[in-house]
Amino acid sequence: MDAELSALATQKDLPVDVLRRLLRHSGARRSAALLRRDLTDGMIEEIIALDSARSLAANGSLPVRVSARFVAHPEPAVRGAVAAHVRDEPPGVLARLAADPEPLVRQFLTMNDHLPPELLARLAGDPDEGVRSGVVRRWRDVPEAVRRMLLTDSDPAIRRASLRAFPPPADLLPGLLADSETRAAAVAHLVPTPELAGDPDSDVRSAVAAHPDLPTGLRDLLAEDPDLFVRNAIAARADTPVELRERIVSGLEPDSPLAEWMLSFGRGTTHACPPPAPVPAPLTRQQAEALLARAGL
């Protein structure tokens, strides 16, 4: 019944009196707060009073004056929810969120499509690793100065993620290749060589095995690599001959179900997302009234 009520709360052209009754149900109220575009001022105030401000703050269709209220909300989760989508209206809202004392708020702000370059650069240098990681995950077309900042970050995980997200400036590449923390990730930006294919680090060899411009000779060499994940990367290549792929896969002997899953996942052979749930049919007024009656609303 909870799912039915939540679905009803997002139904288009729902009579106002039915929607108001649904606001008494916590799940239906959160769904309405998050997804409806026709909430009246009275409904908005009622949702806030009923402690569903966080869901409401995440609704990108709210009037500017309402979203601006949430920027100053005492709960960080509410400020974070609005930070992910709010525009700079009134001017200064985004700068205020970028200076929020709670890292959670600044992390959500990195998801915002309306960030100007100067705030993006500020977040790229944020003291919180989660904020800087958010910039790497969400943004691709960043200025070179920001790319340099992230590619030379003090956190090796951010440097690695940045290498996967951005092409590094040529002058930074030698240092990133020499750094054991980023050497494997830097391989994607180099021409594969026998030296890299024979690197003592199996992660580097795996990166070579996955390189789009891998020569046939190095492919065949890595197909015999002692590390099963390196061989698996060769098996996963679209240009690996069928006979070679089958031989590699038949020779893989993972030592656990998890390793077997990781190997097969790397080849894209076992994972499939379930089909989306069907959209429920809209209820008539009579059906909605019957549902509300069963729920005691």
C-alpha atoms as a PDB file:
ATOM      1  CA  MET A   1       0.000   0.000   0.000  1.00  0.00           C
ATOM      2  CA  ASP A   2       2.886   2.374   0.732  1.00  0.00           C
ATOM      3  CA  ALA A   3       4.111   1.984  -2.854  1.00  0.00           C
ATOM      4  CA  GLU A   4       0.602   2.551  -4.228  1.00  0.00           C
ATOM      5  CA  LEU A   5       0.188   5.716  -2.192  1.00  0.00           C
ATOM      6  CA  SER A   6       3.585   7.030  -3.286  1.00  0.00           C
ATOM      7  CA  ALA A   7       2.741   6.361  -6.930  1.00  0.00           C
ATOM      8  CA  LEU A   8      -0.605   8.093  -6.544  1.00  0.00           C
ATOM      9  CA  ALA A   9       1.133  11.133  -5.027  1.00  0.00           C
ATOM     10  CA  THR A  10       3.020  11.707  -8.289  1.00  0.00           C
ATOM     11  CA  GLN A  11       0.077  11.121 -10.626  1.00  0.00           C
ATOM     12  CA  LYS A  12      -0.599  13.967 -13.023  1.00  0.00           C
ATOM     13  CA  ASP A  13      -3.798  16.004 -12.756  1.00  0.00           C
ATOM     14  CA  LEU A  14      -4.443  14.737  -9.231  1.00  0.00           C
ATOM     15  CA  PRO A  15      -7.301  16.611  -7.512  1.00  0.00           C
ATOM     16  CA  VAL A  16      -5.950  19.032  -4.917  1.00  0.00           C
ATOM     17  CA  ASP A  17      -8.020  17.575  -2.097  1.00  0.00           C
ATOM     18  CA  VAL A  18      -6.683  14.078  -2.813  1.00  0.00           C
ATOM     19  CA  LEU A  19      -3.105  15.344  -2.833  1.00  0.00           C
ATOM     20  CA  ARG A  20      -3.582  17.154   0.472  1.00  0.00           C
ATOM     21  CA  ARG A  21      -4.813  13.968   2.104  1.00  0.00           C
ATOM     22  CA  LEU A  22      -1.814  12.088   0.720  1.00  0.00           C
ATOM     23  CA  LEU A  23       0.524  14.538   2.442  1.00  0.00           C
ATOM     24  CA  ARG A  24      -0.429  12.898   5.737  1.00  0.00           C
ATOM     25  CA  HIS A  25       1.377   9.725   4.600  1.00  0.00           C
ATOM     26  CA  SER A  26       5.174  10.006   4.982  1.00  0.00           C
ATOM     27  CA  GLY A  27       6.134   8.066   1.852  1.00  0.00           C
ATOM     28  CA  ALA A  28       3.532   9.709  -0.360  1.00  0.00           C
ATOM     29  CA  ARG A  29       4.513  13.111   1.032  1.00  0.00           C
ATOM     30  CA  ARG A  30       8.195  12.551   0.194  1.00  0.00           C
ATOM     31  CA  SER A  31       7.308  11.448  -3.334  1.00  0.00           C
ATOM     32  CA  ALA A  32       5.092  14.472  -3.886  1.00  0.00           C
ATOM     33  CA  ALA A  33       7.702  16.802  -2.404  1.00  0.00           C
ATOM     34  CA  LEU A  34      10.442  15.437  -4.625  1.00  0.00           C
ATOM     35  CA  LEU A  35       8.643  15.024  -7.941  1.00  0.00           C
ATOM     36  CA  ARG A  36       5.575  17.207  -8.269  1.00  0.00           C
ATOM     37  CA  ARG A  37       5.786  20.442 -10.255  1.00  0.00           C
ATOM     38  CA  ASP A  38       2.402  21.843  -9.208  1.00  0.00           C
ATOM     39  CA  LEU A  39       2.818  22.256  -5.459  1.00  0.00           C
ATOM     40  CA  THR A  40       1.035  25.321  -4.117  1.00  0.00           C
ATOM     41  CA  ASP A  41       2.531  27.633  -1.510  1.00  0.00           C
ATOM     42  CA  GLY A  42       0.230  26.089   1.071  1.00  0.00           C
ATOM     43  CA  MET A  43       1.342  22.566   0.226  1.00  0.00           C
ATOM     44  CA  ILE A  44       4.991  23.597   0.353  1.00  0.00           C
ATOM     45  CA  GLU A  45       4.543  25.054   3.844  1.00  0.00           C
ATOM     46  CA  GLU A  46       2.676  21.944   4.969  1.00  0.00           C
ATOM     47  CA  ILE A  47       5.426  19.655   3.660  1.00  0.00           C
ATOM     48  CA  ILE A  48       8.054  21.697   5.494  1.00  0.00           C
ATOM     49  CA  ALA A  49       6.001  21.633   8.691  1.00  0.00           C
ATOM     50  CA  LEU A  50       5.697  17.840   8.395  1.00  0.00           C
ATOM     51  CA  ASP A  51       9.497  17.473   8.332  1.00  0.00           C
ATOM     52  CA  SER A  52       9.990  16.550   4.659  1.00  0.00           C
ATOM     53  CA  ALA A  53      12.081  19.583   3.763  1.00  0.00           C
ATOM     54  CA  ARG A  54      14.945  17.437   2.471  1.00  0.00           C
ATOM     55  CA  SER A  55      12.806  15.813  -0.235  1.00  0.00           C
ATOM     56  CA  LEU A  56      11.313  19.179  -1.121  1.00  0.00           C
ATOM     57  CA  ALA A  57      14.747  20.804  -1.374  1.00  0.00           C
ATOM     58  CA  ALA A  58      15.758  18.240  -4.004  1.00  0.00           C
ATOM     59  CA  ASN A  59      12.828  19.240  -6.250  1.00  0.00           C
ATOM     60  CA  GLY A  60      14.338  21.265  -9.090  1.00  0.00           C
ATOM     61  CA  SER A  61      11.003  22.797 -10.104  1.00  0.00           C
ATOM     62  CA  LEU A  62      10.485  24.827  -6.939  1.00  0.00           C
ATOM     63  CA  PRO A  63      10.155  28.610  -7.164  1.00  0.00           C
ATOM     64  CA  VAL A  64      13.460  30.428  -6.671  1.00  0.00           C
ATOM     65  CA  ARG A  65      12.283  32.043  -3.455  1.00  0.00           C
ATOM     66  CA  VAL A  66      11.631  28.620  -1.927  1.00  0.00           C
ATOM     67  CA  SER A  67      14.960  27.131  -3.001  1.00  0.00           C
ATOM     68  CA  ALA A  68      16.753  30.182  -1.596  1.00  0.00           C
ATOM     69  CA  ARG A  69      15.205  29.458   1.808  1.00  0.00           C
ATOM     70  CA  PHE A  70      16.786  26.016   1.863  1.00  0.00           C
ATOM     71  CA  VAL A  71      20.269  27.443   1.271  1.00  0.00           C
ATOM     72  CA  ALA A  72      20.095  28.759   4.851  1.00  0.00           C
ATOM     73  CA  HIS A  73      18.385  25.681   6.334  1.00  0.00           C
ATOM     74  CA  PRO A  74      19.940  24.479   9.618  1.00  0.00           C
ATOM     75  CA  GLU A  75      20.174  20.847   8.409  1.00  0.00           C
ATOM     76  CA  PRO A  76      23.169  20.081   6.155  1.00  0.00           C
ATOM     77  CA  ALA A  77      21.209  17.354   4.331  1.00  0.00           C
ATOM     78  CA  VAL A  78      18.621  19.934   3.238  1.00  0.00           C
ATOM     79  CA  ARG A  79      21.263  22.415   2.111  1.00  0.00           C
ATOM     80  CA  GLY A  80      22.995  19.615   0.227  1.00  0.00           C
ATOM     81  CA  ALA A  81      19.788  18.589  -1.535  1.00  0.00           C
ATOM     82  CA  VAL A  82      19.209  22.098  -2.856  1.00  0.00           C
ATOM     83  CA  ALA A  83      22.909  22.615  -3.646  1.00  0.00           C
ATOM     84  CA  ALA A  84      22.772  19.898  -6.300  1.00  0.00           C
ATOM     85  CA  HIS A  85      20.497  21.879  -8.613  1.00  0.00           C
ATOM     86  CA  VAL A  86      19.873  25.466  -7.481  1.00  0.00           C
ATOM     87  CA  ARG A  87      20.728  28.341  -9.830  1.00  0.00           C
ATOM     88  CA  ASP A  88      22.568  31.457  -8.694  1.00  0.00           C
ATOM     89  CA  GLU A  89      19.334  33.271  -7.857  1.00  0.00           C
ATOM     90  CA  PRO A  90      19.596  35.566  -6.065  1.00  0.00           C
ATOM     91  CA  PRO A  91      23.227  36.173  -7.064  1.00  0.00           C
ATOM     92  CA  GLY A  92      25.655  34.816  -4.478  1.00  0.00           C
ATOM     93  CA  VAL A  93      23.698  31.669  -3.614  1.00  0.00           C
ATOM     94  CA  LEU A  94      26.208  29.310  -5.248  1.00  0.00           C
ATOM     95  CA  ALA A  95      29.175  31.097  -3.652  1.00  0.00           C
ATOM     96  CA  ARG A  96      27.497  30.764  -0.272  1.00  0.00           C
ATOM     97  CA  LEU A  97      27.065  27.019  -0.783  1.00  0.00           C
ATOM     98  CA  ALA A  98      30.688  26.682  -1.947  1.00  0.00           C
ATOM     99  CA  ALA A  99      31.718  28.200   1.390  1.00  0.00           C
ATOM    100  CA  ASP A 100      29.343  26.046   3.465  1.00  0.00           C
ATOM    101  CA  PRO A 101      31.126  24.641   6.541  1.00  0.00           C
ATOM    102  CA  GLU A 102      29.708  21.153   5.948  1.00  0.00           C
ATOM    103  CA  PRO A 103      31.648  19.049   3.380  1.00  0.00           C
ATOM    104  CA  LEU A 104      28.420  17.182   2.541  1.00  0.00           C
ATOM    105  CA  VAL A 105      26.886  20.375   1.159  1.00  0.00           C
ATOM    106  CA  ARG A 106      29.939  21.170  -0.951  1.00  0.00           C
ATOM    107  CA  GLN A 107      30.006  17.575  -2.235  1.00  0.00           C
ATOM    108  CA  PHE A 108      26.424  17.909  -3.474  1.00  0.00           C
ATOM    109  CA  LEU A 109      27.299  21.260  -5.009  1.00  0.00           C
ATOM    110  CA  THR A 110      29.771  19.535  -7.355  1.00  0.00           C
ATOM    111  CA  MET A 111      26.733  17.890  -9.016  1.00  0.00           C
ATOM    112  CA  ASN A 112      25.249  21.271  -9.928  1.00  0.00           C
ATOM    113  CA  ASP A 113      25.196  21.978 -13.673  1.00  0.00           C
ATOM    114  CA  HIS A 114      25.084  25.736 -13.095  1.00  0.00           C
ATOM    115  CA  LEU A 115      28.511  26.196 -11.497  1.00  0.00           C
ATOM    116  CA  PRO A 116      30.594  29.031 -12.967  1.00  0.00           C
ATOM    117  CA  PRO A 117      34.299  28.310 -13.674  1.00  0.00           C
ATOM    118  CA  GLU A 118      35.551  30.262 -10.661  1.00  0.00           C
ATOM    119  CA  LEU A 119      33.508  28.183  -8.214  1.00  0.00           C
ATOM    120  CA  LEU A 120      34.494  24.980  -9.980  1.00  0.00           C
ATOM    121  CA  ALA A 121      38.145  25.931  -9.476  1.00  0.00           C
ATOM    122  CA  ARG A 122      37.471  26.666  -5.808  1.00  0.00           C
ATOM    123  CA  LEU A 123      35.864  23.256  -5.299  1.00  0.00           C
ATOM    124  CA  ALA A 124      38.737  21.545  -7.122  1.00  0.00           C
ATOM    125  CA  GLY A 125      41.001  22.912  -4.395  1.00  0.00           C
ATOM    126  CA  ASP A 126      38.623  22.169  -1.519  1.00  0.00           C
ATOM    127  CA  PRO A 127      40.238  20.760   1.653  1.00  0.00           C
ATOM    128  CA  ASP A 128      37.788  17.834   1.626  1.00  0.00           C
ATOM    129  CA  GLU A 129      38.801  14.879  -0.587  1.00  0.00           C
ATOM    130  CA  GLY A 130      35.140  14.032  -1.240  1.00  0.00           C
ATOM    131  CA  VAL A 131      34.520  17.463  -2.737  1.00  0.00           C
ATOM    132  CA  ARG A 132      37.554  17.248  -5.006  1.00  0.00           C
ATOM    133  CA  SER A 133      36.520  13.736  -6.056  1.00  0.00           C
ATOM    134  CA  GLY A 134      33.085  15.095  -6.911  1.00  0.00           C
ATOM    135  CA  VAL A 135      34.623  17.592  -9.311  1.00  0.00           C
ATOM    136  CA  VAL A 136      36.489  14.766 -11.051  1.00  0.00           C
ATOM    137  CA  ARG A 137      33.403  12.534 -11.279  1.00  0.00           C
ATOM    138  CA  ARG A 138      30.985  15.165 -12.540  1.00  0.00           C
ATOM    139  CA  TRP A 139      33.025  17.481 -14.721  1.00  0.00           C
ATOM    140  CA  ARG A 140      34.945  16.800 -17.928  1.00  0.00           C
ATOM    141  CA  ASP A 141      35.320  20.075 -19.821  1.00  0.00           C
ATOM    142  CA  VAL A 142      37.310  21.836 -17.104  1.00  0.00           C
ATOM    143  CA  PRO A 143      39.925  24.554 -17.587  1.00  0.00           C
ATOM    144  CA  GLU A 144      43.539  23.401 -17.816  1.00  0.00           C
ATOM    145  CA  ALA A 145      44.404  25.072 -14.522  1.00  0.00           C
ATOM    146  CA  VAL A 146      41.782  22.951 -12.762  1.00  0.00           C
ATOM    147  CA  ARG A 147      42.992  19.786 -14.521  1.00  0.00           C
ATOM    148  CA  ARG A 148      46.537  20.497 -13.386  1.00  0.00           C
ATOM    149  CA  MET A 149      45.342  21.027  -9.831  1.00  0.00           C
ATOM    150  CA  LEU A 150      43.545  17.680  -9.769  1.00  0.00           C
ATOM    151  CA  LEU A 151      46.276  15.728 -11.568  1.00  0.00           C
ATOM    152  CA  THR A 152      48.777  16.891  -8.945  1.00  0.00           C
ATOM    153  CA  ASP A 153      46.430  16.469  -5.971  1.00  0.00           C
ATOM    154  CA  SER A 154      47.897  15.237  -2.679  1.00  0.00           C
ATOM    155  CA  ASP A 155      45.436  12.310  -2.695  1.00  0.00           C
ATOM    156  CA  PRO A 156      46.616   9.517  -5.047  1.00  0.00           C
ATOM    157  CA  ALA A 157      43.039   8.328  -5.587  1.00  0.00           C
ATOM    158  CA  ILE A 158      42.129  11.753  -6.975  1.00  0.00           C
ATOM    159  CA  ARG A 159      45.199  11.789  -9.201  1.00  0.00           C
ATOM    160  CA  ARG A 160      44.259   8.365 -10.576  1.00  0.00           C
ATOM    161  CA  ALA A 161      40.634   9.352 -11.126  1.00  0.00           C
ATOM    162  CA  SER A 162      41.749  12.547 -12.849  1.00  0.00           C
ATOM    163  CA  LEU A 163      43.928  10.575 -15.230  1.00  0.00           C
ATOM    164  CA  ARG A 164      40.914   8.496 -16.188  1.00  0.00           C
ATOM    165  CA  ALA A 165      38.784  11.615 -16.625  1.00  0.00           C
ATOM    166  CA  PHE A 166      41.099  14.137 -18.289  1.00  0.00           C
ATOM    167  CA  PRO A 167      43.948  14.003 -20.786  1.00  0.00           C
ATOM    168  CA  PRO A 168      47.009  15.187 -18.843  1.00  0.00           C
ATOM    169  CA  PRO A 169      49.190  18.044 -20.103  1.00  0.00           C
ATOM    170  CA  ALA A 170      52.309  16.625 -21.740  1.00  0.00           C
ATOM    171  CA  ASP A 171      54.668  18.091 -19.145  1.00  0.00           C
ATOM    172  CA  LEU A 172      52.876  16.284 -16.283  1.00  0.00           C
ATOM    173  CA  LEU A 173      52.824  12.853 -17.904  1.00  0.00           C
ATOM    174  CA  PRO A 174      56.432  11.813 -17.095  1.00  0.00           C
ATOM    175  CA  GLY A 175      55.895  12.522 -13.407  1.00  0.00           C
ATOM    176  CA  LEU A 176      52.567  10.676 -13.356  1.00  0.00           C
ATOM    177  CA  LEU A 177      54.206   7.693 -15.046  1.00  0.00           C
ATOM    178  CA  ALA A 178      57.073   7.706 -12.554  1.00  0.00           C
ATOM    179  CA  ASP A 179      54.674   7.818  -9.599  1.00  0.00           C
ATOM    180  CA  SER A 180      53.826   4.271  -8.473  1.00  0.00           C
ATOM    181  CA  GLU A 181      50.379   5.466  -7.408  1.00  0.00           C
ATOM    182  CA  THR A 182      49.454   6.760 -10.870  1.00  0.00           C
ATOM    183  CA  ARG A 183      51.694   4.733 -13.196  1.00  0.00           C
ATOM    184  CA  ALA A 184      48.957   2.293 -14.258  1.00  0.00           C
ATOM    185  CA  ALA A 185      46.412   5.045 -14.907  1.00  0.00           C
ATOM    186  CA  ALA A 186      48.960   7.004 -16.962  1.00  0.00           C
ATOM    187  CA  VAL A 187      49.384   4.093 -19.390  1.00  0.00           C
ATOM    188  CA  ALA A 188      46.169   5.011 -21.234  1.00  0.00           C
ATOM    189  CA  HIS A 189      47.823   8.257 -22.377  1.00  0.00           C
ATOM    190  CA  LEU A 190      50.982   6.584 -23.732  1.00  0.00           C
ATOM    191  CA  VAL A 191      51.951   4.446 -26.696  1.00  0.00           C
ATOM    192  CA  PRO A 192      52.195   0.814 -25.462  1.00  0.00           C
ATOM    193  CA  THR A 193      55.773  -0.451 -25.363  1.00  0.00           C
ATOM    194  CA  PRO A 194      57.443  -3.776 -24.541  1.00  0.00           C
ATOM    195  CA  GLU A 195      58.865  -2.140 -21.410  1.00  0.00           C
ATOM    196  CA  LEU A 196      55.392  -1.296 -20.119  1.00  0.00           C
ATOM    197  CA  ALA A 197      54.082  -4.741 -21.118  1.00  0.00           C
ATOM    198  CA  GLY A 198      56.852  -6.247 -18.977  1.00  0.00           C
ATOM    199  CA  ASP A 199      56.378  -3.918 -16.006  1.00  0.00           C
ATOM    200  CA  PRO A 200      56.663  -5.677 -12.624  1.00  0.00           C
ATOM    201  CA  ASP A 201      53.331  -4.124 -11.562  1.00  0.00           C
ATOM    202  CA  SER A 202      50.439  -6.274 -12.811  1.00  0.00           C
ATOM    203  CA  ASP A 203      48.129  -3.235 -12.740  1.00  0.00           C
ATOM    204  CA  VAL A 204      50.387  -1.555 -15.284  1.00  0.00           C
ATOM    205  CA  ARG A 205      50.366  -4.648 -17.479  1.00  0.00           C
ATOM    206  CA  SER A 206      46.552  -4.825 -17.188  1.00  0.00           C
ATOM    207  CA  ALA A 207      46.358  -1.219 -18.333  1.00  0.00           C
ATOM    208  CA  VAL A 208      48.582  -2.041 -21.299  1.00  0.00           C
ATOM    209  CA  ALA A 209      46.377  -5.051 -22.095  1.00  0.00           C
ATOM    210  CA  ALA A 210      43.314  -2.772 -22.228  1.00  0.00           C
ATOM    211  CA  HIS A 211      44.995  -0.046 -24.296  1.00  0.00           C
ATOM    212  CA  PRO A 212      42.991   0.702 -27.484  1.00  0.00           C
ATOM    213  CA  ASP A 213      46.167   0.876 -29.602  1.00  0.00           C
ATOM    214  CA  LEU A 214      47.775  -2.322 -28.338  1.00  0.00           C
ATOM    215  CA  PRO A 215      49.942  -3.897 -31.073  1.00  0.00           C
ATOM    216  CA  THR A 216      49.277  -7.530 -31.988  1.00  0.00           C
ATOM    217  CA  GLY A 217      52.675  -8.647 -30.752  1.00  0.00           C
ATOM    218  CA  LEU A 218      52.135  -7.210 -27.283  1.00  0.00           C
ATOM    219  CA  ARG A 219      48.605  -8.614 -27.229  1.00  0.00           C
ATOM    220  CA  ASP A 220      49.926 -12.111 -27.829  1.00  0.00           C
ATOM    221  CA  LEU A 221      52.677 -11.583 -25.250  1.00  0.00           C
ATOM    222  CA  LEU A 222      50.217 -10.474 -22.550  1.00  0.00           C
ATOM    223  CA  ALA A 223      47.905 -13.371 -23.400  1.00  0.00           C
ATOM    224  CA  GLU A 224      50.557 -15.546 -21.697  1.00  0.00           C
ATOM    225  CA  ASP A 225      51.006 -13.221 -18.682  1.00  0.00           C
ATOM    226  CA  PRO A 226      51.297 -14.976 -15.301  1.00  0.00           C
ATOM    227  CA  ASP A 227      48.587 -12.727 -13.838  1.00  0.00           C
ATOM    228  CA  LEU A 228      45.088 -13.969 -14.610  1.00  0.00           C
ATOM    229  CA  PHE A 229      43.616 -10.444 -14.566  1.00  0.00           C
ATOM    230  CA  VAL A 230      46.083  -9.361 -17.252  1.00  0.00           C
ATOM    231  CA  ARG A 231      45.135 -12.359 -19.386  1.00  0.00           C
ATOM    232  CA  ASN A 232      41.478 -11.615 -18.720  1.00  0.00           C
ATOM    233  CA  ALA A 233      41.962  -8.054 -20.013  1.00  0.00           C
ATOM    234  CA  ILE A 234      43.238  -9.540 -23.267  1.00  0.00           C
ATOM    235  CA  ALA A 235      40.214 -11.860 -23.409  1.00  0.00           C
ATOM    236  CA  ALA A 236      37.937  -8.838 -22.959  1.00  0.00           C
ATOM    237  CA  ARG A 237      39.317  -7.038 -26.010  1.00  0.00           C
ATOM    238  CA  ALA A 238      37.023  -6.838 -29.036  1.00  0.00           C
ATOM    239  CA  ASP A 239      39.984  -7.385 -31.367  1.00  0.00           C
ATOM    240  CA  THR A 240      41.172 -10.589 -29.683  1.00  0.00           C
ATOM    241  CA  PRO A 241      40.617 -13.566 -32.005  1.00  0.00           C
ATOM    242  CA  VAL A 242      37.891 -15.957 -30.869  1.00  0.00           C
ATOM    243  CA  GLU A 243      40.277 -18.912 -30.598  1.00  0.00           C
ATOM    244  CA  LEU A 244      42.682 -16.946 -28.396  1.00  0.00           C
ATOM    245  CA  ARG A 245      39.850 -15.632 -26.225  1.00  0.00           C
ATOM    246  CA  GLU A 246      38.448 -19.107 -25.671  1.00  0.00           C
ATOM    247  CA  ARG A 247      41.873 -20.471 -24.779  1.00  0.00           C
ATOM    248  CA  ILE A 248      42.486 -17.688 -22.279  1.00  0.00           C
ATOM    249  CA  VAL A 249      39.082 -18.054 -20.615  1.00  0.00           C
ATOM    250  CA  SER A 250      39.400 -21.837 -20.366  1.00  0.00           C
ATOM    251  CA  GLY A 251      42.746 -21.397 -18.636  1.00  0.00           C
ATOM    252  CA  LEU A 252      41.574 -18.905 -16.016  1.00  0.00           C
ATOM    253  CA  GLU A 253      41.416 -20.502 -12.585  1.00  0.00           C
ATOM    254  CA  PRO A 254      40.105 -17.961 -10.082  1.00  0.00           C
ATOM    255  CA  ASP A 255      40.526 -18.889  -6.435  1.00  0.00           C
ATOM    256  CA  SER A 256      37.123 -17.669  -5.252  1.00  0.00           C
ATOM    257  CA  PRO A 257      33.579 -16.925  -6.498  1.00  0.00           C
ATOM    258  CA  LEU A 258      34.338 -13.214  -6.114  1.00  0.00           C
ATOM    259  CA  ALA A 259      37.387 -13.487  -8.372  1.00  0.00           C
ATOM    260  CA  GLU A 260      35.317 -15.430 -10.911  1.00  0.00           C
ATOM    261  CA  TRP A 261      32.671 -12.705 -10.875  1.00  0.00           C
ATOM    262  CA  MET A 262      35.293  -9.968 -11.265  1.00  0.00           C
ATOM    263  CA  LEU A 263      36.845 -11.747 -14.221  1.00  0.00           C
ATOM    264  CA  SER A 264      33.555 -12.401 -15.964  1.00  0.00           C
ATOM    265  CA  PHE A 265      32.368  -8.867 -15.224  1.00  0.00           C
ATOM    266  CA  GLY A 266      35.536  -7.536 -16.835  1.00  0.00           C
ATOM    267  CA  ARG A 267      34.586  -9.406 -19.985  1.00  0.00           C
ATOM    268  CA  GLY A 268      31.028  -8.069 -19.795  1.00  0.00           C
ATOM    269  CA  THR A 269      29.504 -11.535 -19.762  1.00  0.00           C
ATOM    270  CA  THR A 270      27.485 -11.784 -16.565  1.00  0.00           C
ATOM    271  CA  HIS A 271      26.054  -8.420 -15.585  1.00  0.00           C
ATOM    272  CA  ALA A 272      22.700  -7.272 -16.867  1.00  0.00           C
ATOM    273  CA  CYS A 273      20.502  -4.589 -15.364  1.00  0.00           C
ATOM    274  CA  PRO A 274      16.936  -5.689 -14.652  1.00  0.00           C
ATOM    275  CA  PRO A 275      14.264  -4.197 -16.879  1.00  0.00           C
ATOM    276  CA  PRO A 276      12.629  -1.035 -15.511  1.00  0.00           C
ATOM    277  CA  ALA A 277       9.490  -1.525 -13.473  1.00  0.00           C
ATOM    278  CA  PRO A 278       6.326  -0.808 -15.440  1.00  0.00           C
ATOM    279  CA  VAL A 279       4.706   2.559 -14.812  1.00  0.00           C
ATOM    280  CA  PRO A 280       1.477   2.000 -12.867  1.00  0.00           C
ATOM    281  CA  ALA A 281      -1.746   2.961 -14.592  1.00  0.00           C
ATOM    282  CA  PRO A 282      -3.281   6.216 -13.301  1.00  0.00           C
ATOM    283  CA  LEU A 283      -6.100   5.758 -10.829  1.00  0.00           C
ATOM    284  CA  THR A 284      -9.564   7.151 -11.340  1.00  0.00           C
ATOM    285  CA  ARG A 285     -11.092   9.341  -8.656  1.00  0.00           C
ATOM    286  CA  GLN A 286     -13.091   6.374  -7.418  1.00  0.00           C
ATOM    287  CA  GLN A 287     -10.018   4.126  -7.252  1.00  0.00           C
ATOM    288  CA  ALA A 288      -8.025   6.834  -5.469  1.00  0.00           C
ATOM    289  CA  GLU A 289     -10.768   7.291  -2.898  1.00  0.00           C
ATOM    290  CA  ALA A 290     -10.849   3.529  -2.286  1.00  0.00           C
ATOM    291  CA  LEU A 291      -7.082   3.468  -1.748  1.00  0.00           C
ATOM    292  CA  LEU A 292      -7.213   6.441   0.620  1.00  0.00           C
ATOM    293  CA  ALA A 293      -9.999   4.789   2.571  1.00  0.00           C
ATOM    294  CA  ARG A 294      -7.963   1.586   2.987  1.00  0.00           C
ATOM    295  CA  ALA A 295      -5.024   3.680   4.207  1.00  0.00           C
ATOM    296  CA  GLY A 296      -7.195   5.616   6.647  1.00  0.00           C
ATOM    297  CA  LEU A 297      -6.478   8.958   4.971  1.00  0.00           C
END
